[in-house]
Each structure stands twice: as structure tokens, then as C-alpha cells.
Amino acid sequence: DVLLPDGMNLNRELVRDGACWWYRKYAPGDTVLEGLEKEAREANKGLWAEPQPVPPWAWRKRQSSH
């Protein structure tokens, strides 16, 4: 987790804003991040406004094959 001087959890804020995925591999069972991502998806926030956003792990795999 990245905590800012004001105590805000940056990880949660980024997921809440739809600026990143909840990477289950590194935070398995994190129900807070899971819920924040679900809310962002349902609200079409950030990357979830795209019809088919490409997760970073899939994008990296695709780029390495070129």
C-alpha cells in the first residue's frame, strides 16, 4: 500500500477512480479493492469507460510477442 502524508491510501483512490486494476495476484482477497473496482466498473469510470479495456498483464504479453 502507498499511504500519502494525509493518510489517504493511494492504491484505493486509483482503483476507485478507475485509473488501475485491482491486481488480484498481489492483493488476493482484498475485499475493499474488489468493491472499489466493481463500483468503478459499474460507473464506467476511468479505464472502465472503454468498451474492452486491456489489462496491463495482457498488454505486456501482447507487446513481448512483437
Protein backbone atom coordinates (compact mmCIF):
# COMPACT_ATOMS: atom_id res chain seq x y z
CA ASP A 1 0.00 0.00 0.00
CA VAL A 2 1.06 3.56 -0.69
CA LEU A 3 -0.04 5.95 2.04
CA LEU A 4 0.07 9.68 1.43
CA PRO A 5 1.04 12.24 4.12
CA ASP A 6 -2.65 12.96 4.78
CA GLY A 7 -3.26 9.24 5.44
CA MET A 8 -5.05 8.61 2.15
CA ASN A 9 -4.45 5.18 0.63
CA LEU A 10 -3.31 5.89 -2.93
CA ASN A 11 -3.91 2.31 -4.08
CA ARG A 12 -7.58 2.57 -3.15
CA GLU A 13 -8.01 6.01 -4.69
CA LEU A 14 -6.56 4.86 -8.02
CA VAL A 15 -8.84 1.82 -8.13
CA ARG A 16 -11.85 3.95 -7.06
CA ASP A 17 -11.19 6.40 -9.91
CA GLY A 18 -10.85 3.62 -12.48
CA ALA A 19 -7.19 4.52 -13.05
CA CYS A 20 -5.96 0.98 -12.49
CA TRP A 21 -6.95 -2.62 -11.98
CA TRP A 22 -7.09 -4.45 -8.67
CA TYR A 23 -4.27 -6.90 -9.32
CA ARG A 24 -5.57 -9.98 -7.57
CA LYS A 25 -2.20 -11.75 -7.73
CA TYR A 26 -0.66 -9.23 -5.33
CA ALA A 27 -3.70 -8.45 -3.21
CA PRO A 28 -5.76 -11.64 -3.14
CA GLY A 29 -8.83 -11.45 -1.00
CA ASP A 30 -8.70 -7.65 -0.64
CA THR A 31 -12.44 -7.08 -0.48
CA VAL A 32 -12.03 -3.28 -0.28
CA LEU A 33 -10.15 -3.11 -3.59
CA GLU A 34 -12.53 -5.65 -5.10
CA GLY A 35 -15.52 -3.50 -4.14
CA LEU A 36 -13.90 -0.27 -5.34
CA GLU A 37 -13.09 -1.83 -8.72
CA LYS A 38 -16.64 -3.16 -9.03
CA GLU A 39 -18.06 0.31 -8.31
CA ALA A 40 -15.71 1.94 -10.84
CA ARG A 41 -16.66 -0.64 -13.49
CA GLU A 42 -20.38 -0.13 -12.90
CA ALA A 43 -19.96 3.66 -13.08
CA ASN A 44 -17.82 3.42 -16.25
CA LYS A 45 -15.10 5.44 -14.56
CA GLY A 46 -11.62 5.83 -15.99
CA LEU A 47 -10.42 2.82 -17.94
CA TRP A 48 -13.82 1.20 -17.48
CA ALA A 49 -15.28 3.77 -19.90
CA GLU A 50 -13.53 1.81 -22.67
CA PRO A 51 -15.63 -0.97 -24.22
CA GLN A 52 -12.82 -3.54 -23.84
CA PRO A 53 -10.00 -2.27 -21.63
CA VAL A 54 -6.83 -4.35 -21.90
CA PRO A 55 -5.34 -5.36 -18.55
CA PRO A 56 -1.65 -4.49 -18.18
CA TRP A 57 -0.58 -8.15 -17.88
CA ALA A 58 -2.30 -8.94 -21.22
CA TRP A 59 -0.87 -5.81 -22.87
CA ARG A 60 2.68 -6.71 -21.76
CA LYS A 61 2.28 -10.25 -23.08
CA ARG A 62 0.98 -8.90 -26.40
CA GLN A 63 3.89 -6.43 -26.67
CA SER A 64 6.53 -9.05 -25.92
CA SER A 65 5.30 -11.20 -28.80
CA HIS A 66 6.09 -8.42 -31.35
